[in-house]
Amino acid sequence: MGFRIQHASAAVPLVLLLLAITFIALTATSMITSETTSSEEDLQQYVDDAINELTSYIKIQQIYGSFTNEAPYHLSKIVIQATPLFQKEINLSTWIIQIQTISDLKIYTINRNVSSIGSSSVFSHDQWNNLTSNNYGVISILDTDESLEKYQSFSEPSDIAFFTLLVNDLSIGKGDEVTIVISPGIGIKKTITFKVPLPMKQVVKLW
């Protein structure tokens, strides 16, 4: 096998370099600009977002949810669309996803069942039948070297996948605040918080 798993921590020097460049750019901009274009809070949020993204090795592109068909309407499935930030192998076997609501905290580990999207739609894919309430699956959208399916690893910046989670037992409904924490084996956690929208249609964009 030509594919070789490398530890995600190999990306740390590159992360530090990118963070240094970000801070230098922000400092230079503040020195040469006489007008205040954003508040101190906005600037801090920008820096926090940059750090959060760069130190977690993957970029979360979008999050979607699927509501139940009958009242009381609540989310039954959540999918998280992700892609790697670096030209490094990122082994998902140690990654943990946590979902926190006002009354519950649930932890998911990978079930090592990675499937290609094929001709299926995301929320009707056969993989959902093999998931448990404590495991997340991975559906690969773009995986040219099949590293996701064979090794549960991102290997190219072009790789795209959905993390799939069953959340029916959490009873997450309209207006509820949800926090998703994605934790690599080594590295800084990525945290995303959103409020659940009205169930105007079965599939909704959450973030």
C-alpha atoms as a PDB file:
ATOM      1  CA  MET A   1       0.000   0.000   0.000  1.00  0.00           C
ATOM      2  CA  GLY A   2       1.432   3.323  -1.044  1.00  0.00           C
ATOM      3  CA  PHE A   3      -0.650   5.347   1.379  1.00  0.00           C
ATOM      4  CA  ARG A   4       1.001   6.134   4.712  1.00  0.00           C
ATOM      5  CA  ILE A   5      -0.761   7.499   7.788  1.00  0.00           C
ATOM      6  CA  GLN A   6       1.044  10.450   9.339  1.00  0.00           C
ATOM      7  CA  HIS A   7       0.266  11.983  12.744  1.00  0.00           C
ATOM      8  CA  ALA A   8      -1.799  15.156  12.539  1.00  0.00           C
ATOM      9  CA  SER A   9       0.695  16.925  14.825  1.00  0.00           C
ATOM     10  CA  ALA A  10       3.078  17.225  11.851  1.00  0.00           C
ATOM     11  CA  ALA A  11       0.987  20.205  10.777  1.00  0.00           C
ATOM     12  CA  VAL A  12       1.767  22.159  13.965  1.00  0.00           C
ATOM     13  CA  PRO A  13       4.847  24.087  12.615  1.00  0.00           C
ATOM     14  CA  LEU A  14       2.820  25.175   9.596  1.00  0.00           C
ATOM     15  CA  VAL A  15      -0.058  26.205  11.860  1.00  0.00           C
ATOM     16  CA  LEU A  16       2.266  28.346  13.990  1.00  0.00           C
ATOM     17  CA  LEU A  17       3.725  29.977  10.882  1.00  0.00           C
ATOM     18  CA  LEU A  18       0.264  30.804   9.525  1.00  0.00           C
ATOM     19  CA  LEU A  19      -0.810  32.222  12.879  1.00  0.00           C
ATOM     20  CA  ALA A  20       2.309  34.383  13.023  1.00  0.00           C
ATOM     21  CA  ILE A  21       1.584  35.716   9.537  1.00  0.00           C
ATOM     22  CA  THR A  22      -2.025  36.462  10.559  1.00  0.00           C
ATOM     23  CA  PHE A  23      -0.980  38.458  13.624  1.00  0.00           C
ATOM     24  CA  ILE A  24       1.719  40.351  11.716  1.00  0.00           C
ATOM     25  CA  ALA A  25      -0.784  41.304   9.031  1.00  0.00           C
ATOM     26  CA  LEU A  26      -3.303  42.489  11.613  1.00  0.00           C
ATOM     27  CA  THR A  27      -0.666  44.551  13.452  1.00  0.00           C
ATOM     28  CA  ALA A  28       0.608  46.162  10.244  1.00  0.00           C
ATOM     29  CA  THR A  29      -2.918  47.060   9.196  1.00  0.00           C
ATOM     30  CA  SER A  30      -3.659  48.757  12.518  1.00  0.00           C
ATOM     31  CA  MET A  31      -0.424  50.807  12.278  1.00  0.00           C
ATOM     32  CA  ILE A  32      -0.965  52.214   8.790  1.00  0.00           C
ATOM     33  CA  THR A  33      -4.723  52.755   8.970  1.00  0.00           C
ATOM     34  CA  SER A  34      -5.899  55.970  10.598  1.00  0.00           C
ATOM     35  CA  GLU A  35      -9.573  55.038  10.593  1.00  0.00           C
ATOM     36  CA  THR A  36     -11.113  52.366  12.811  1.00  0.00           C
ATOM     37  CA  THR A  37     -12.861  49.968  10.449  1.00  0.00           C
ATOM     38  CA  SER A  38     -14.055  47.522  13.080  1.00  0.00           C
ATOM     39  CA  SER A  39     -14.562  47.404  16.805  1.00  0.00           C
ATOM     40  CA  GLU A  40     -12.127  45.742  19.159  1.00  0.00           C
ATOM     41  CA  GLU A  41     -14.672  42.958  19.666  1.00  0.00           C
ATOM     42  CA  ASP A  42     -14.918  42.348  15.902  1.00  0.00           C
ATOM     43  CA  LEU A  43     -11.140  42.182  15.615  1.00  0.00           C
ATOM     44  CA  GLN A  44     -10.892  39.756  18.509  1.00  0.00           C
ATOM     45  CA  GLN A  45     -13.594  37.574  16.953  1.00  0.00           C
ATOM     46  CA  TYR A  46     -11.700  37.572  13.650  1.00  0.00           C
ATOM     47  CA  VAL A  47      -8.516  36.436  15.398  1.00  0.00           C
ATOM     48  CA  ASP A  48     -10.380  33.809  17.442  1.00  0.00           C
ATOM     49  CA  ASP A  49     -12.018  32.411  14.303  1.00  0.00           C
ATOM     50  CA  ALA A  50      -8.668  32.263  12.489  1.00  0.00           C
ATOM     51  CA  ILE A  51      -7.023  30.438  15.391  1.00  0.00           C
ATOM     52  CA  ASN A  52      -9.966  28.056  15.745  1.00  0.00           C
ATOM     53  CA  GLU A  53      -9.820  27.113  12.073  1.00  0.00           C
ATOM     54  CA  LEU A  54      -6.057  26.820  11.667  1.00  0.00           C
ATOM     55  CA  THR A  55      -5.429  24.762  14.789  1.00  0.00           C
ATOM     56  CA  SER A  56      -8.099  22.127  14.170  1.00  0.00           C
ATOM     57  CA  TYR A  57      -6.654  20.841  10.855  1.00  0.00           C
ATOM     58  CA  ILE A  58     -10.008  20.745   9.065  1.00  0.00           C
ATOM     59  CA  LYS A  59     -12.408  23.372   7.770  1.00  0.00           C
ATOM     60  CA  ILE A  60     -16.090  22.962   8.525  1.00  0.00           C
ATOM     61  CA  GLN A  61     -17.894  24.130   5.400  1.00  0.00           C
ATOM     62  CA  GLN A  62     -21.557  23.668   6.298  1.00  0.00           C
ATOM     63  CA  ILE A  63     -23.842  21.856   8.744  1.00  0.00           C
ATOM     64  CA  TYR A  64     -27.297  20.534   7.832  1.00  0.00           C
ATOM     65  CA  GLY A  65     -30.058  18.868   9.783  1.00  0.00           C
ATOM     66  CA  SER A  66     -33.072  16.724   8.943  1.00  0.00           C
ATOM     67  CA  PHE A  67     -36.328  17.095  10.896  1.00  0.00           C
ATOM     68  CA  THR A  68     -38.751  14.317  11.771  1.00  0.00           C
ATOM     69  CA  ASN A  69     -41.845  13.985   9.581  1.00  0.00           C
ATOM     70  CA  GLU A  70     -44.345  14.263  12.425  1.00  0.00           C
ATOM     71  CA  ALA A  71     -44.949  16.613  15.351  1.00  0.00           C
ATOM     72  CA  PRO A  72     -43.365  17.376  17.704  1.00  0.00           C
ATOM     73  CA  TYR A  73     -40.816  18.252  15.043  1.00  0.00           C
ATOM     74  CA  HIS A  74     -37.189  17.819  16.089  1.00  0.00           C
ATOM     75  CA  LEU A  75     -33.892  17.023  14.437  1.00  0.00           C
ATOM     76  CA  SER A  76     -33.283  13.357  13.754  1.00  0.00           C
ATOM     77  CA  LYS A  77     -30.020  13.604  11.773  1.00  0.00           C
ATOM     78  CA  ILE A  78     -27.139  16.068  11.505  1.00  0.00           C
ATOM     79  CA  VAL A  79     -24.399  16.102   8.876  1.00  0.00           C
ATOM     80  CA  ILE A  80     -21.192  18.142   9.037  1.00  0.00           C
ATOM     81  CA  GLN A  81     -19.438  18.911   5.750  1.00  0.00           C
ATOM     82  CA  ALA A  82     -15.659  19.070   6.188  1.00  0.00           C
ATOM     83  CA  THR A  83     -12.444  19.337   4.187  1.00  0.00           C
ATOM     84  CA  PRO A  84      -8.770  19.319   5.287  1.00  0.00           C
ATOM     85  CA  LEU A  85      -6.780  22.540   5.516  1.00  0.00           C
ATOM     86  CA  PHE A  86      -3.335  21.097   4.810  1.00  0.00           C
ATOM     87  CA  GLN A  87      -1.528  18.675   2.542  1.00  0.00           C
ATOM     88  CA  LYS A  88      -1.244  16.188   5.417  1.00  0.00           C
ATOM     89  CA  GLU A  89      -2.862  12.876   6.240  1.00  0.00           C
ATOM     90  CA  ILE A  90      -5.453  13.399   8.987  1.00  0.00           C
ATOM     91  CA  ASN A  91      -6.397  10.158  10.690  1.00  0.00           C
ATOM     92  CA  LEU A  92      -9.994  10.327  11.936  1.00  0.00           C
ATOM     93  CA  SER A  93      -9.806   7.185  14.075  1.00  0.00           C
ATOM     94  CA  THR A  94      -9.181   9.175  17.285  1.00  0.00           C
ATOM     95  CA  TRP A  95     -11.523  12.065  16.543  1.00  0.00           C
ATOM     96  CA  ILE A  96     -14.497  12.660  18.822  1.00  0.00           C
ATOM     97  CA  ILE A  97     -17.606  14.742  18.113  1.00  0.00           C
ATOM     98  CA  GLN A  98     -19.643  16.136  21.006  1.00  0.00           C
ATOM     99  CA  ILE A  99     -23.129  17.616  20.799  1.00  0.00           C
ATOM    100  CA  GLN A 100     -24.273  19.744  23.721  1.00  0.00           C
ATOM    101  CA  THR A 101     -27.758  21.101  24.320  1.00  0.00           C
ATOM    102  CA  ILE A 102     -29.149  22.961  27.317  1.00  0.00           C
ATOM    103  CA  SER A 103     -29.940  19.651  29.016  1.00  0.00           C
ATOM    104  CA  ASP A 104     -27.677  17.011  27.485  1.00  0.00           C
ATOM    105  CA  LEU A 105     -24.167  16.218  26.290  1.00  0.00           C
ATOM    106  CA  LYS A 106     -23.549  13.400  23.866  1.00  0.00           C
ATOM    107  CA  ILE A 107     -20.221  12.001  22.660  1.00  0.00           C
ATOM    108  CA  TYR A 108     -19.719  10.230  19.338  1.00  0.00           C
ATOM    109  CA  THR A 109     -16.768   8.158  18.144  1.00  0.00           C
ATOM    110  CA  ILE A 110     -16.192   7.020  14.575  1.00  0.00           C
ATOM    111  CA  ASN A 111     -17.752   3.707  13.610  1.00  0.00           C
ATOM    112  CA  ARG A 112     -15.106   3.214  10.863  1.00  0.00           C
ATOM    113  CA  ASN A 113     -17.875   2.772   8.326  1.00  0.00           C
ATOM    114  CA  VAL A 114     -16.836   5.165   5.570  1.00  0.00           C
ATOM    115  CA  SER A 115     -18.932   5.064   2.404  1.00  0.00           C
ATOM    116  CA  SER A 116     -18.932   6.922  -0.877  1.00  0.00           C
ATOM    117  CA  ILE A 117     -21.918   9.112  -1.647  1.00  0.00           C
ATOM    118  CA  GLY A 118     -22.394   7.335  -4.978  1.00  0.00           C
ATOM    119  CA  SER A 119     -25.779   8.140  -6.465  1.00  0.00           C
ATOM    120  CA  SER A 120     -27.505   8.492  -3.090  1.00  0.00           C
ATOM    121  CA  SER A 121     -28.545  11.687  -1.359  1.00  0.00           C
ATOM    122  CA  VAL A 122     -26.886  12.404   1.962  1.00  0.00           C
ATOM    123  CA  PHE A 123     -29.896  11.923   4.249  1.00  0.00           C
ATOM    124  CA  SER A 124     -31.189   8.796   2.487  1.00  0.00           C
ATOM    125  CA  HIS A 125     -27.819   7.046   2.238  1.00  0.00           C
ATOM    126  CA  ASP A 126     -27.690   3.402   3.335  1.00  0.00           C
ATOM    127  CA  GLN A 127     -25.014   4.240   5.899  1.00  0.00           C
ATOM    128  CA  TRP A 128     -27.634   5.631   8.299  1.00  0.00           C
ATOM    129  CA  ASN A 129     -28.911   2.068   8.789  1.00  0.00           C
ATOM    130  CA  ASN A 130     -25.525   1.039  10.212  1.00  0.00           C
ATOM    131  CA  LEU A 131     -25.101   3.905  12.670  1.00  0.00           C
ATOM    132  CA  THR A 132     -25.754   3.737  16.391  1.00  0.00           C
ATOM    133  CA  SER A 133     -26.657   6.628  18.666  1.00  0.00           C
ATOM    134  CA  ASN A 134     -23.056   6.827  19.923  1.00  0.00           C
ATOM    135  CA  ASN A 135     -21.119   6.567  16.670  1.00  0.00           C
ATOM    136  CA  TYR A 136     -20.693   8.941  13.749  1.00  0.00           C
ATOM    137  CA  GLY A 137     -20.152   7.807  10.198  1.00  0.00           C
ATOM    138  CA  VAL A 138     -18.340   9.365   7.261  1.00  0.00           C
ATOM    139  CA  ILE A 139     -19.740   9.754   3.755  1.00  0.00           C
ATOM    140  CA  SER A 140     -17.066  10.732   1.257  1.00  0.00           C
ATOM    141  CA  ILE A 141     -18.037  13.230  -1.431  1.00  0.00           C
ATOM    142  CA  LEU A 142     -14.610  13.652  -3.051  1.00  0.00           C
ATOM    143  CA  ASP A 143     -11.864  11.143  -2.275  1.00  0.00           C
ATOM    144  CA  THR A 144      -9.660  10.593  -5.320  1.00  0.00           C
ATOM    145  CA  ASP A 145      -7.223   8.145  -3.679  1.00  0.00           C
ATOM    146  CA  GLU A 146      -9.889   6.425  -1.547  1.00  0.00           C
ATOM    147  CA  SER A 147      -7.964   7.258   1.631  1.00  0.00           C
ATOM    148  CA  LEU A 148     -11.195   7.957   3.487  1.00  0.00           C
ATOM    149  CA  GLU A 149     -12.803   4.658   2.551  1.00  0.00           C
ATOM    150  CA  LYS A 150      -9.676   2.548   3.073  1.00  0.00           C
ATOM    151  CA  TYR A 151      -7.974   4.271   6.011  1.00  0.00           C
ATOM    152  CA  GLN A 152     -10.531   6.681   7.530  1.00  0.00           C
ATOM    153  CA  SER A 153      -8.127   9.511   6.708  1.00  0.00           C
ATOM    154  CA  PHE A 154      -8.124  12.757   4.779  1.00  0.00           C
ATOM    155  CA  SER A 155      -5.056  12.890   2.518  1.00  0.00           C
ATOM    156  CA  GLU A 156      -5.618  15.725   0.032  1.00  0.00           C
ATOM    157  CA  PRO A 157      -6.893  19.310   0.451  1.00  0.00           C
ATOM    158  CA  SER A 158      -9.496  18.471  -2.206  1.00  0.00           C
ATOM    159  CA  ASP A 159     -11.063  15.720  -0.059  1.00  0.00           C
ATOM    160  CA  ILE A 160     -14.617  16.469   1.063  1.00  0.00           C
ATOM    161  CA  ALA A 161     -16.767  14.389   3.393  1.00  0.00           C
ATOM    162  CA  PHE A 162     -19.840  14.509   5.604  1.00  0.00           C
ATOM    163  CA  PHE A 163     -19.734  13.408   9.234  1.00  0.00           C
ATOM    164  CA  THR A 164     -23.117  11.787   9.907  1.00  0.00           C
ATOM    165  CA  LEU A 165     -24.758  11.771  13.355  1.00  0.00           C
ATOM    166  CA  LEU A 166     -28.053  10.413  14.655  1.00  0.00           C
ATOM    167  CA  VAL A 167     -29.578  12.890  17.134  1.00  0.00           C
ATOM    168  CA  ASN A 168     -33.189  11.753  17.384  1.00  0.00           C
ATOM    169  CA  ASP A 169     -32.897  10.964  21.102  1.00  0.00           C
ATOM    170  CA  LEU A 170     -31.706  14.493  21.954  1.00  0.00           C
ATOM    171  CA  SER A 171     -35.084  16.058  21.032  1.00  0.00           C
ATOM    172  CA  ILE A 172     -33.483  19.153  19.477  1.00  0.00           C
ATOM    173  CA  GLY A 173     -36.234  21.480  18.278  1.00  0.00           C
ATOM    174  CA  LYS A 174     -36.869  24.988  16.986  1.00  0.00           C
ATOM    175  CA  GLY A 175     -34.976  27.708  18.816  1.00  0.00           C
ATOM    176  CA  ASP A 176     -32.732  25.322  20.767  1.00  0.00           C
ATOM    177  CA  GLU A 177     -29.080  26.319  21.044  1.00  0.00           C
ATOM    178  CA  VAL A 178     -26.688  23.557  20.040  1.00  0.00           C
ATOM    179  CA  THR A 179     -22.916  23.431  20.439  1.00  0.00           C
ATOM    180  CA  ILE A 180     -20.853  20.986  18.401  1.00  0.00           C
ATOM    181  CA  VAL A 181     -17.282  20.301  19.515  1.00  0.00           C
ATOM    182  CA  ILE A 182     -14.949  18.413  17.185  1.00  0.00           C
ATOM    183  CA  SER A 183     -11.883  17.058  18.984  1.00  0.00           C
ATOM    184  CA  PRO A 184      -8.823  15.649  17.195  1.00  0.00           C
ATOM    185  CA  GLY A 185      -6.599  13.147  18.956  1.00  0.00           C
ATOM    186  CA  ILE A 186      -3.975  15.880  19.399  1.00  0.00           C
ATOM    187  CA  GLY A 187      -4.742  19.516  18.714  1.00  0.00           C
ATOM    188  CA  ILE A 188      -7.178  22.246  19.654  1.00  0.00           C
ATOM    189  CA  LYS A 189     -10.903  21.533  19.572  1.00  0.00           C
ATOM    190  CA  LYS A 190     -13.166  23.228  17.036  1.00  0.00           C
ATOM    191  CA  THR A 191     -16.374  24.621  18.545  1.00  0.00           C
ATOM    192  CA  ILE A 192     -19.458  25.674  16.581  1.00  0.00           C
ATOM    193  CA  THR A 193     -22.689  27.009  18.126  1.00  0.00           C
ATOM    194  CA  PHE A 194     -26.000  27.635  16.370  1.00  0.00           C
ATOM    195  CA  LYS A 195     -29.720  27.963  17.017  1.00  0.00           C
ATOM    196  CA  VAL A 196     -32.103  25.569  15.316  1.00  0.00           C
ATOM    197  CA  PRO A 197     -34.354  27.325  12.757  1.00  0.00           C
ATOM    198  CA  LEU A 198     -38.037  26.822  12.106  1.00  0.00           C
ATOM    199  CA  PRO A 199     -38.829  23.474  10.435  1.00  0.00           C
ATOM    200  CA  MET A 200     -40.149  25.164   7.289  1.00  0.00           C
ATOM    201  CA  LYS A 201     -38.793  22.196   5.326  1.00  0.00           C
ATOM    202  CA  GLN A 202     -37.456  18.818   6.350  1.00  0.00           C
ATOM    203  CA  VAL A 203     -33.776  19.547   5.579  1.00  0.00           C
ATOM    204  CA  VAL A 204     -32.408  22.847   6.918  1.00  0.00           C
ATOM    205  CA  LYS A 205     -29.044  24.546   7.009  1.00  0.00           C
ATOM    206  CA  LEU A 206     -27.912  24.869  10.628  1.00  0.00           C
ATOM    207  CA  TRP A 207     -24.597  26.666  10.109  1.00  0.00           C
END
